[in-house]
């Protein structure tokens, strides 16, 4: 089953403020839907967003190594661990 994330979990995964995560979802930078009053995004879409940003930043269009982990804690915080990429 595909893991879904709330706005708070998206913010935790991106290590940003909830308002920033909400802006990204509203701008459709990360695909998401609003169910009732809550935003819901797929875990793999958040990871894909981070990969796109790394590809854009490196200018190579290629990520050599990218380790991503969403860690479940008591409050279900998600954390993107680290990324290493090639320098042109």
C-alpha atoms as a PDB file:
ATOM      1  CA  UNK A   1       0.000   0.000   0.000  1.00  0.00           C
ATOM      2  CA  UNK A   2       1.236   3.478  -0.852  1.00  0.00           C
ATOM      3  CA  UNK A   3       2.115   5.642   2.135  1.00  0.00           C
ATOM      4  CA  UNK A   4       0.327   8.969   2.416  1.00  0.00           C
ATOM      5  CA  UNK A   5       1.611  12.021   4.274  1.00  0.00           C
ATOM      6  CA  UNK A   6      -0.175  14.918   5.919  1.00  0.00           C
ATOM      7  CA  UNK A   7       0.988  18.500   5.458  1.00  0.00           C
ATOM      8  CA  UNK A   8       2.875  18.291   8.754  1.00  0.00           C
ATOM      9  CA  UNK A   9       4.650  15.123   7.639  1.00  0.00           C
ATOM     10  CA  UNK A  10       5.539  16.670   4.274  1.00  0.00           C
ATOM     11  CA  UNK A  11       7.015  19.670   6.116  1.00  0.00           C
ATOM     12  CA  UNK A  12       9.002  17.352   8.404  1.00  0.00           C
ATOM     13  CA  UNK A  13      10.320  15.360   5.437  1.00  0.00           C
ATOM     14  CA  UNK A  14      11.426  18.548   3.670  1.00  0.00           C
ATOM     15  CA  UNK A  15      12.684  20.080   6.916  1.00  0.00           C
ATOM     16  CA  UNK A  16      10.687  23.231   6.247  1.00  0.00           C
ATOM     17  CA  UNK A  17       7.854  25.162   7.856  1.00  0.00           C
ATOM     18  CA  UNK A  18       4.299  23.881   7.404  1.00  0.00           C
ATOM     19  CA  UNK A  19       3.411  27.088   5.527  1.00  0.00           C
ATOM     20  CA  UNK A  20       6.193  26.401   3.002  1.00  0.00           C
ATOM     21  CA  UNK A  21       4.950  22.831   2.492  1.00  0.00           C
ATOM     22  CA  UNK A  22       1.403  24.122   2.057  1.00  0.00           C
ATOM     23  CA  UNK A  23       2.601  26.619  -0.566  1.00  0.00           C
ATOM     24  CA  UNK A  24       4.350  23.814  -2.484  1.00  0.00           C
ATOM     25  CA  UNK A  25       1.192  21.703  -2.469  1.00  0.00           C
ATOM     26  CA  UNK A  26      -1.029  24.622  -3.502  1.00  0.00           C
ATOM     27  CA  UNK A  27       1.382  25.506  -6.336  1.00  0.00           C
ATOM     28  CA  UNK A  28       1.261  21.849  -7.446  1.00  0.00           C
ATOM     29  CA  UNK A  29       5.055  21.528  -7.133  1.00  0.00           C
ATOM     30  CA  UNK A  30       4.235  18.349  -5.200  1.00  0.00           C
ATOM     31  CA  UNK A  31       1.079  16.524  -6.313  1.00  0.00           C
ATOM     32  CA  UNK A  32      -1.501  16.371  -3.525  1.00  0.00           C
ATOM     33  CA  UNK A  33      -5.234  16.436  -2.897  1.00  0.00           C
ATOM     34  CA  UNK A  34      -7.344  18.019  -0.256  1.00  0.00           C
ATOM     35  CA  UNK A  35      -9.618  15.556   1.506  1.00  0.00           C
ATOM     36  CA  UNK A  36     -11.968  17.503   3.695  1.00  0.00           C
ATOM     37  CA  UNK A  37      -9.785  20.132   5.344  1.00  0.00           C
ATOM     38  CA  UNK A  38      -6.531  18.149   5.150  1.00  0.00           C
ATOM     39  CA  UNK A  39      -3.906  17.962   2.427  1.00  0.00           C
ATOM     40  CA  UNK A  40      -2.693  14.465   1.525  1.00  0.00           C
ATOM     41  CA  UNK A  41       0.425  13.722  -0.533  1.00  0.00           C
ATOM     42  CA  UNK A  42       2.096  10.485  -1.519  1.00  0.00           C
ATOM     43  CA  UNK A  43       5.491   9.690  -0.001  1.00  0.00           C
ATOM     44  CA  UNK A  44       7.005   8.915  -3.418  1.00  0.00           C
ATOM     45  CA  UNK A  45       5.855  12.293  -4.792  1.00  0.00           C
ATOM     46  CA  UNK A  46       7.705  14.104  -1.993  1.00  0.00           C
ATOM     47  CA  UNK A  47      10.826  12.055  -2.757  1.00  0.00           C
ATOM     48  CA  UNK A  48      10.452  12.795  -6.492  1.00  0.00           C
ATOM     49  CA  UNK A  49      10.218  16.521  -5.721  1.00  0.00           C
ATOM     50  CA  UNK A  50      13.483  16.416  -3.748  1.00  0.00           C
ATOM     51  CA  UNK A  51      15.179  14.471  -6.558  1.00  0.00           C
ATOM     52  CA  UNK A  52      14.020  17.051  -9.132  1.00  0.00           C
ATOM     53  CA  UNK A  53      15.393  19.863  -6.988  1.00  0.00           C
ATOM     54  CA  UNK A  54      18.752  18.085  -6.652  1.00  0.00           C
ATOM     55  CA  UNK A  55      18.881  17.476 -10.407  1.00  0.00           C
ATOM     56  CA  UNK A  56      18.107  21.150 -11.048  1.00  0.00           C
ATOM     57  CA  UNK A  57      20.762  22.263  -8.555  1.00  0.00           C
ATOM     58  CA  UNK A  58      23.520  20.065  -9.974  1.00  0.00           C
ATOM     59  CA  UNK A  59      22.803  20.967 -13.570  1.00  0.00           C
ATOM     60  CA  UNK A  60      23.795  17.453 -14.601  1.00  0.00           C
ATOM     61  CA  UNK A  61      20.284  16.065 -14.682  1.00  0.00           C
ATOM     62  CA  UNK A  62      21.616  12.999 -12.918  1.00  0.00           C
ATOM     63  CA  UNK A  63      21.719  11.983  -9.296  1.00  0.00           C
ATOM     64  CA  UNK A  64      24.534   9.525  -8.674  1.00  0.00           C
ATOM     65  CA  UNK A  65      23.423   8.542  -5.196  1.00  0.00           C
ATOM     66  CA  UNK A  66      20.345   9.544  -3.258  1.00  0.00           C
ATOM     67  CA  UNK A  67      19.411   7.890   0.027  1.00  0.00           C
ATOM     68  CA  UNK A  68      15.964   8.791   1.261  1.00  0.00           C
ATOM     69  CA  UNK A  69      14.233   7.433   4.326  1.00  0.00           C
ATOM     70  CA  UNK A  70      10.987   8.437   5.933  1.00  0.00           C
ATOM     71  CA  UNK A  71      11.264   7.387   9.559  1.00  0.00           C
ATOM     72  CA  UNK A  72       8.229   6.632  11.696  1.00  0.00           C
ATOM     73  CA  UNK A  73       8.511   8.027  15.205  1.00  0.00           C
ATOM     74  CA  UNK A  74       5.924   8.348  17.926  1.00  0.00           C
ATOM     75  CA  UNK A  75       4.549  11.499  16.334  1.00  0.00           C
ATOM     76  CA  UNK A  76       5.026  10.081  12.782  1.00  0.00           C
ATOM     77  CA  UNK A  77       7.641  12.648  11.743  1.00  0.00           C
ATOM     78  CA  UNK A  78       9.176  12.023   8.337  1.00  0.00           C
ATOM     79  CA  UNK A  79      12.822  12.896   7.739  1.00  0.00           C
ATOM     80  CA  UNK A  80      14.729  12.884   4.499  1.00  0.00           C
ATOM     81  CA  UNK A  81      18.200  11.679   5.556  1.00  0.00           C
ATOM     82  CA  UNK A  82      20.779  12.881   3.023  1.00  0.00           C
ATOM     83  CA  UNK A  83      21.703  13.147  -0.618  1.00  0.00           C
ATOM     84  CA  UNK A  84      25.018  12.908  -2.360  1.00  0.00           C
ATOM     85  CA  UNK A  85      25.356  13.917  -5.973  1.00  0.00           C
ATOM     86  CA  UNK A  86      28.011  14.298  -8.614  1.00  0.00           C
ATOM     87  CA  UNK A  87      29.680  17.597  -9.266  1.00  0.00           C
ATOM     88  CA  UNK A  88      30.188  18.465 -12.904  1.00  0.00           C
END
